[in-house]
Amino acid sequence: MTFGYRRLSLFSALFTAVILITGSLLVLSRAIPHLINPEQVNSEGMILIAILGVIINGFGFFRLKTGMSQSEKVLS
């Protein structure tokens, strides 16, 4: 690996962290008003999305478990 490829892995980890932090702030900004004024929940839709999320995250975990980059080593 040349120096450029190692740096690319770190930039992708930084990009992922920025996306996760931005998404978390967006979810919090939308969730706080709903805590103050609760609404009816669509439970069937929530269960289906939760199952889909577990499947996708499990696939990603097993796919990246043997990785050698710094961001992939965090999983082990």
N, C-alpha and C. Protein backbone atom coordinates (compact mmCIF):
# COMPACT_ATOMS: atom_id res chain seq x y z
N MET A 1 0.83 -1.19 0.00
CA MET A 1 0.00 0.00 0.00
C MET A 1 0.88 1.25 0.00
N THR A 2 0.53 2.18 -0.83
CA THR A 2 1.26 3.44 -0.81
C THR A 2 0.67 4.34 0.25
N PHE A 3 1.33 5.45 0.51
CA PHE A 3 0.87 6.37 1.55
C PHE A 3 -0.52 6.93 1.22
N GLY A 4 -0.79 7.13 -0.05
CA GLY A 4 -2.08 7.71 -0.45
C GLY A 4 -3.26 6.82 -0.11
N TYR A 5 -3.10 5.51 -0.27
CA TYR A 5 -4.20 4.60 0.04
C TYR A 5 -4.48 4.55 1.54
N ARG A 6 -3.47 4.63 2.36
CA ARG A 6 -3.69 4.66 3.81
C ARG A 6 -4.43 5.93 4.22
N ARG A 7 -4.08 7.03 3.60
CA ARG A 7 -4.74 8.29 3.91
C ARG A 7 -6.20 8.27 3.45
N LEU A 8 -6.48 7.61 2.34
CA LEU A 8 -7.84 7.50 1.84
C LEU A 8 -8.73 6.77 2.85
N SER A 9 -8.20 5.75 3.50
CA SER A 9 -8.96 5.02 4.51
C SER A 9 -9.30 5.93 5.69
N LEU A 10 -8.36 6.76 6.10
CA LEU A 10 -8.63 7.68 7.20
C LEU A 10 -9.65 8.74 6.81
N PHE A 11 -9.57 9.22 5.57
CA PHE A 11 -10.55 10.20 5.11
C PHE A 11 -11.95 9.59 5.04
N SER A 12 -12.04 8.34 4.63
CA SER A 12 -13.35 7.70 4.58
C SER A 12 -13.91 7.49 5.99
N ALA A 13 -13.05 7.19 6.95
CA ALA A 13 -13.51 7.07 8.34
C ALA A 13 -13.98 8.42 8.86
N LEU A 14 -13.28 9.49 8.52
CA LEU A 14 -13.69 10.83 8.92
C LEU A 14 -15.02 11.19 8.27
N PHE A 15 -15.17 10.88 6.99
CA PHE A 15 -16.42 11.15 6.28
C PHE A 15 -17.58 10.39 6.92
N THR A 16 -17.36 9.14 7.28
CA THR A 16 -18.39 8.34 7.93
C THR A 16 -18.78 8.94 9.28
N ALA A 17 -17.79 9.39 10.04
CA ALA A 17 -18.07 10.00 11.35
C ALA A 17 -18.89 11.29 11.18
N VAL A 18 -18.56 12.10 10.19
CA VAL A 18 -19.31 13.33 9.96
C VAL A 18 -20.75 13.02 9.57
N ILE A 19 -20.95 12.03 8.72
CA ILE A 19 -22.30 11.63 8.31
C ILE A 19 -23.09 11.13 9.52
N LEU A 20 -22.47 10.32 10.38
CA LEU A 20 -23.17 9.79 11.55
C LEU A 20 -23.53 10.89 12.54
N ILE A 21 -22.62 11.83 12.76
CA ILE A 21 -22.90 12.93 13.69
C ILE A 21 -24.00 13.83 13.14
N THR A 22 -23.94 14.13 11.84
CA THR A 22 -24.97 14.96 11.22
C THR A 22 -26.33 14.28 11.29
N GLY A 23 -26.37 13.00 10.98
CA GLY A 23 -27.62 12.25 11.07
C GLY A 23 -28.17 12.19 12.48
N SER A 24 -27.29 12.03 13.46
CA SER A 24 -27.73 12.00 14.86
C SER A 24 -28.33 13.34 15.28
N LEU A 25 -27.69 14.42 14.86
CA LEU A 25 -28.23 15.74 15.20
C LEU A 25 -29.58 15.98 14.52
N LEU A 26 -29.73 15.51 13.29
CA LEU A 26 -31.01 15.64 12.60
C LEU A 26 -32.10 14.84 13.32
N VAL A 27 -31.79 13.62 13.71
CA VAL A 27 -32.77 12.79 14.43
C VAL A 27 -33.15 13.44 15.75
N LEU A 28 -32.16 13.96 16.48
CA LEU A 28 -32.46 14.62 17.76
C LEU A 28 -33.31 15.86 17.57
N SER A 29 -33.02 16.64 16.53
CA SER A 29 -33.81 17.86 16.30
C SER A 29 -35.25 17.53 15.94
N ARG A 30 -35.49 16.38 15.31
CA ARG A 30 -36.86 15.98 14.99
C ARG A 30 -37.53 15.25 16.15
N ALA A 31 -36.73 14.60 17.02
CA ALA A 31 -37.31 13.79 18.09
C ALA A 31 -37.75 14.63 19.29
N ILE A 32 -37.04 15.70 19.59
CA ILE A 32 -37.37 16.49 20.78
C ILE A 32 -38.79 17.07 20.72
N PRO A 33 -39.24 17.66 19.59
CA PRO A 33 -40.64 18.12 19.55
C PRO A 33 -41.64 16.98 19.69
N HIS A 34 -41.30 15.78 19.20
CA HIS A 34 -42.22 14.64 19.35
C HIS A 34 -42.27 14.15 20.80
N LEU A 35 -41.23 14.37 21.57
CA LEU A 35 -41.28 14.02 22.99
C LEU A 35 -42.22 14.96 23.74
N ILE A 36 -42.26 16.20 23.31
CA ILE A 36 -43.13 17.18 23.97
C ILE A 36 -44.59 16.94 23.58
N ASN A 37 -44.85 16.68 22.30
CA ASN A 37 -46.21 16.41 21.80
C ASN A 37 -46.25 15.04 21.13
N PRO A 38 -46.50 13.96 21.91
CA PRO A 38 -46.47 12.61 21.35
C PRO A 38 -47.56 12.39 20.29
N GLU A 39 -47.26 11.51 19.33
CA GLU A 39 -48.22 11.14 18.29
C GLU A 39 -48.36 9.62 18.26
N GLN A 40 -49.37 9.15 17.52
CA GLN A 40 -49.59 7.71 17.37
C GLN A 40 -48.44 7.09 16.58
N VAL A 41 -48.03 5.88 16.97
CA VAL A 41 -46.89 5.20 16.35
C VAL A 41 -47.39 4.11 15.41
N ASN A 42 -46.74 3.98 14.23
CA ASN A 42 -47.03 2.90 13.28
C ASN A 42 -46.13 1.72 13.65
N SER A 43 -46.63 0.83 14.48
CA SER A 43 -45.79 -0.24 15.03
C SER A 43 -45.38 -1.26 13.99
N GLU A 44 -46.26 -1.59 13.03
CA GLU A 44 -45.89 -2.58 12.02
C GLU A 44 -44.72 -2.07 11.17
N GLY A 45 -44.76 -0.82 10.78
CA GLY A 45 -43.68 -0.24 9.99
C GLY A 45 -42.38 -0.19 10.76
N MET A 46 -42.46 0.13 12.05
CA MET A 46 -41.25 0.19 12.88
C MET A 46 -40.61 -1.19 13.02
N ILE A 47 -41.43 -2.23 13.19
CA ILE A 47 -40.89 -3.58 13.33
C ILE A 47 -40.20 -4.01 12.03
N LEU A 48 -40.83 -3.73 10.88
CA LEU A 48 -40.23 -4.12 9.60
C LEU A 48 -38.91 -3.38 9.36
N ILE A 49 -38.84 -2.10 9.67
CA ILE A 49 -37.60 -1.34 9.48
C ILE A 49 -36.53 -1.83 10.46
N ALA A 50 -36.91 -2.19 11.69
CA ALA A 50 -35.95 -2.70 12.66
C ALA A 50 -35.36 -4.03 12.19
N ILE A 51 -36.19 -4.91 11.67
CA ILE A 51 -35.70 -6.21 11.17
C ILE A 51 -34.77 -5.99 9.99
N LEU A 52 -35.14 -5.11 9.07
CA LEU A 52 -34.29 -4.81 7.92
C LEU A 52 -32.95 -4.22 8.37
N GLY A 53 -32.96 -3.34 9.37
CA GLY A 53 -31.73 -2.76 9.89
C GLY A 53 -30.81 -3.79 10.52
N VAL A 54 -31.38 -4.73 11.26
CA VAL A 54 -30.57 -5.79 11.88
C VAL A 54 -29.93 -6.67 10.81
N ILE A 55 -30.69 -6.98 9.76
CA ILE A 55 -30.15 -7.82 8.68
C ILE A 55 -29.01 -7.10 7.96
N ILE A 56 -29.21 -5.84 7.61
CA ILE A 56 -28.17 -5.09 6.89
C ILE A 56 -26.94 -4.89 7.76
N ASN A 57 -27.12 -4.55 9.03
CA ASN A 57 -25.97 -4.37 9.92
C ASN A 57 -25.23 -5.69 10.15
N GLY A 58 -25.95 -6.78 10.27
CA GLY A 58 -25.30 -8.08 10.43
C GLY A 58 -24.49 -8.46 9.21
N PHE A 59 -25.03 -8.20 8.01
CA PHE A 59 -24.30 -8.46 6.78
C PHE A 59 -23.03 -7.61 6.72
N GLY A 60 -23.15 -6.34 7.07
CA GLY A 60 -21.98 -5.46 7.05
C GLY A 60 -20.93 -5.88 8.06
N PHE A 61 -21.36 -6.33 9.22
CA PHE A 61 -20.42 -6.78 10.24
C PHE A 61 -19.61 -7.96 9.76
N PHE A 62 -20.29 -8.98 9.22
CA PHE A 62 -19.57 -10.16 8.77
C PHE A 62 -18.72 -9.88 7.54
N ARG A 63 -19.12 -8.94 6.74
CA ARG A 63 -18.34 -8.58 5.54
C ARG A 63 -17.06 -7.82 5.92
N LEU A 64 -17.13 -6.96 6.92
CA LEU A 64 -15.98 -6.14 7.30
C LEU A 64 -15.15 -6.74 8.42
N LYS A 65 -15.56 -7.88 8.94
CA LYS A 65 -14.87 -8.48 10.09
C LYS A 65 -13.42 -8.82 9.79
N THR A 66 -13.11 -9.17 8.56
CA THR A 66 -11.75 -9.58 8.21
C THR A 66 -10.96 -8.47 7.55
N GLY A 67 -11.43 -7.23 7.62
CA GLY A 67 -10.75 -6.11 6.96
C GLY A 67 -9.44 -5.74 7.63
N MET A 68 -8.59 -5.06 6.88
CA MET A 68 -7.29 -4.67 7.38
C MET A 68 -7.13 -3.16 7.59
N SER A 69 -8.07 -2.36 7.14
CA SER A 69 -7.93 -0.92 7.31
C SER A 69 -8.25 -0.51 8.75
N GLN A 70 -7.87 0.68 9.11
CA GLN A 70 -8.06 1.16 10.48
C GLN A 70 -9.55 1.19 10.86
N SER A 71 -10.39 1.66 9.95
CA SER A 71 -11.81 1.75 10.27
C SER A 71 -12.45 0.37 10.35
N GLU A 72 -11.94 -0.62 9.61
CA GLU A 72 -12.47 -1.98 9.67
C GLU A 72 -11.98 -2.70 10.93
N LYS A 73 -10.81 -2.38 11.42
CA LYS A 73 -10.29 -3.02 12.63
C LYS A 73 -11.07 -2.63 13.88
N VAL A 74 -11.80 -1.52 13.82
CA VAL A 74 -12.60 -1.08 14.97
C VAL A 74 -13.67 -2.10 15.30
N LEU A 75 -14.16 -2.83 14.31
CA LEU A 75 -15.22 -3.81 14.53
C LEU A 75 -14.76 -5.01 15.35
N SER A 76 -13.49 -5.36 15.31
CA SER A 76 -13.06 -6.58 16.00
C SER A 76 -12.66 -6.36 17.42
